[in-house]
C-alpha atoms as a PDB file:
ATOM      1  CA  MET A   1      33.256 103.368 -42.390  1.00  0.00           C
ATOM      2  CA  PRO A   2      33.778 102.126 -38.953  1.00  0.00           C
ATOM      3  CA  LYS A   3      34.177  98.218 -38.356  1.00  0.00           C
ATOM      4  CA  ASN A   4      31.088  97.673 -36.290  1.00  0.00           C
ATOM      5  CA  SER A   5      29.148  99.938 -38.355  1.00  0.00           C
ATOM      6  CA  LYS A   6      25.500  98.637 -38.868  1.00  0.00           C
ATOM      7  CA  ARG A   7      25.639  99.754 -42.671  1.00  0.00           C
ATOM      8  CA  THR A   8      25.218  96.713 -45.232  1.00  0.00           C
ATOM      9  CA  THR A   9      28.294  96.614 -47.452  1.00  0.00           C
ATOM     10  CA  THR A  10      28.596  95.893 -51.112  1.00  0.00           C
ATOM     11  CA  LYS A  11      30.097  92.614 -50.646  1.00  0.00           C
ATOM     12  CA  THR A  12      27.426  91.239 -48.149  1.00  0.00           C
ATOM     13  CA  ILE A  13      24.760  92.335 -50.581  1.00  0.00           C
ATOM     14  CA  THR A  14      26.408  90.491 -53.399  1.00  0.00           C
ATOM     15  CA  ILE A  15      26.981  87.547 -51.427  1.00  0.00           C
ATOM     16  CA  VAL A  16      23.226  87.577 -50.270  1.00  0.00           C
ATOM     17  CA  TRP A  17      21.970  88.309 -54.025  1.00  0.00           C
ATOM     18  CA  PHE A  18      23.914  85.144 -55.266  1.00  0.00           C
ATOM     19  CA  LEU A  19      22.359  83.159 -52.451  1.00  0.00           C
ATOM     20  CA  LEU A  20      18.988  84.371 -53.757  1.00  0.00           C
ATOM     21  CA  MET A  21      19.850  83.263 -57.281  1.00  0.00           C
ATOM     22  CA  THR A  22      21.237  79.843 -56.062  1.00  0.00           C
ATOM     23  CA  LEU A  23      17.905  79.325 -54.142  1.00  0.00           C
ATOM     24  CA  THR A  24      15.774  80.517 -57.128  1.00  0.00           C
ATOM     25  CA  VAL A  25      17.686  77.814 -59.345  1.00  0.00           C
ATOM     26  CA  ALA A  26      17.385  75.309 -56.723  1.00  0.00           C
ATOM     27  CA  SER A  27      13.336  75.727 -56.323  1.00  0.00           C
ATOM     28  CA  PHE A  28      12.933  75.408 -59.872  1.00  0.00           C
ATOM     29  CA  TYR A  29      15.192  72.228 -60.332  1.00  0.00           C
ATOM     30  CA  LEU A  30      13.213  70.668 -57.270  1.00  0.00           C
ATOM     31  CA  SER A  31       9.963  71.450 -58.469  1.00  0.00           C
ATOM     32  CA  GLU A  32      10.820  70.041 -62.301  1.00  0.00           C
ATOM     33  CA  ASN A  33      12.778  67.028 -61.448  1.00  0.00           C
ATOM     34  CA  GLN A  34      12.821  65.702 -57.652  1.00  0.00           C
ATOM     35  CA  PHE A  35       9.970  65.751 -55.356  1.00  0.00           C
ATOM     36  CA  SER A  36       6.134  65.694 -55.441  1.00  0.00           C
ATOM     37  CA  GLY A  37       3.369  66.530 -53.103  1.00  0.00           C
ATOM     38  CA  PHE A  38       3.726  67.372 -49.674  1.00  0.00           C
ATOM     39  CA  SER A  39       7.586  67.057 -49.382  1.00  0.00           C
ATOM     40  CA  LEU A  40       8.090  69.253 -52.418  1.00  0.00           C
ATOM     41  CA  ALA A  41       5.640  71.963 -50.676  1.00  0.00           C
ATOM     42  CA  VAL A  42       7.771  71.699 -47.684  1.00  0.00           C
ATOM     43  CA  VAL A  43      10.969  72.093 -49.309  1.00  0.00           C
ATOM     44  CA  LEU A  44       9.677  74.899 -51.621  1.00  0.00           C
ATOM     45  CA  MET A  45       8.127  76.877 -48.790  1.00  0.00           C
ATOM     46  CA  ALA A  46      11.284  76.484 -46.834  1.00  0.00           C
ATOM     47  CA  ILE A  47      13.378  78.101 -49.747  1.00  0.00           C
ATOM     48  CA  THR A  48      10.664  80.761 -50.278  1.00  0.00           C
ATOM     49  CA  VAL A  49      10.887  81.833 -46.541  1.00  0.00           C
ATOM     50  CA  ALA A  50      14.503  81.839 -46.783  1.00  0.00           C
ATOM     51  CA  LYS A  51      14.317  84.052 -50.048  1.00  0.00           C
ATOM     52  CA  PHE A  52      11.829  86.293 -48.499  1.00  0.00           C
ATOM     53  CA  MET A  53      13.911  86.932 -45.215  1.00  0.00           C
ATOM     54  CA  SER A  54      16.803  87.693 -47.368  1.00  0.00           C
ATOM     55  CA  VAL A  55      15.385  90.220 -49.127  1.00  0.00           C
ATOM     56  CA  SER A  56      13.689  91.863 -46.272  1.00  0.00           C
ATOM     57  CA  LEU A  57      16.693  91.516 -43.974  1.00  0.00           C
ATOM     58  CA  TRP A  58      19.298  92.743 -46.177  1.00  0.00           C
ATOM     59  CA  PHE A  59      17.955  94.654 -49.364  1.00  0.00           C
ATOM     60  CA  MET A  60      14.906  96.591 -47.278  1.00  0.00           C
ATOM     61  CA  GLU A  61      17.264  96.735 -44.055  1.00  0.00           C
ATOM     62  CA  LEU A  62      14.735  95.322 -41.644  1.00  0.00           C
ATOM     63  CA  LYS A  63      17.655  93.940 -39.534  1.00  0.00           C
ATOM     64  CA  GLN A  64      18.200  97.548 -38.580  1.00  0.00           C
ATOM     65  CA  ALA A  65      14.609  98.139 -37.595  1.00  0.00           C
ATOM     66  CA  HIS A  66      13.121  97.890 -34.221  1.00  0.00           C
ATOM     67  CA  PRO A  67      13.078  94.220 -33.151  1.00  0.00           C
ATOM     68  CA  VAL A  68       9.144  94.239 -33.212  1.00  0.00           C
ATOM     69  CA  TRP A  69       9.097  94.421 -36.827  1.00  0.00           C
ATOM     70  CA  SER A  70      11.378  91.617 -37.330  1.00  0.00           C
ATOM     71  CA  LEU A  71       9.327  89.463 -34.739  1.00  0.00           C
ATOM     72  CA  ALA A  72       6.171  90.323 -36.500  1.00  0.00           C
ATOM     73  CA  LEU A  73       7.608  89.337 -39.855  1.00  0.00           C
ATOM     74  CA  VAL A  74       8.678  85.774 -38.650  1.00  0.00           C
ATOM     75  CA  MET A  75       5.333  85.371 -37.079  1.00  0.00           C
ATOM     76  CA  LEU A  76       3.458  86.222 -40.010  1.00  0.00           C
ATOM     77  CA  LEU A  77       5.600  84.163 -42.448  1.00  0.00           C
ATOM     78  CA  THR A  78       5.290  81.041 -39.989  1.00  0.00           C
ATOM     79  CA  VAL A  79       1.495  81.463 -39.805  1.00  0.00           C
ATOM     80  CA  PHE A  80       1.201  81.667 -43.750  1.00  0.00           C
ATOM     81  CA  SER A  81       3.997  79.019 -44.414  1.00  0.00           C
ATOM     82  CA  ALA A  82       1.842  76.459 -42.329  1.00  0.00           C
ATOM     83  CA  LEU A  83      -1.481  77.317 -43.737  1.00  0.00           C
ATOM     84  CA  ILE A  84       0.244  76.853 -47.099  1.00  0.00           C
ATOM     85  CA  ILE A  85       2.112  73.625 -46.261  1.00  0.00           C
ATOM     86  CA  PHE A  86      -1.005  72.022 -44.644  1.00  0.00           C
ATOM     87  CA  SER A  87      -3.448  72.979 -47.434  1.00  0.00           C
ATOM     88  CA  THR A  88      -1.580  70.818 -50.001  1.00  0.00           C
ATOM     89  CA  GLY A  89      -1.271  67.779 -47.586  1.00  0.00           C
END
């Protein structure tokens, strides 16, 4: 495989998978032990967005799609995240 290939390597996917598992454990720990109310909603939404973007960019390979799709995804996530966060406060 060429060095500048756009294909995702097994090493990269494994690292992203470990990141996703770490974020899942962190969100569970935070929701059970640390914050409450608005601050919890903001932190958990940030973790959820990071996980969603990781899955869509690396496992669904959206990073190789046309940039319009990535922009649309970011805009959609921004709107939904804002709606969810501000509906808890």
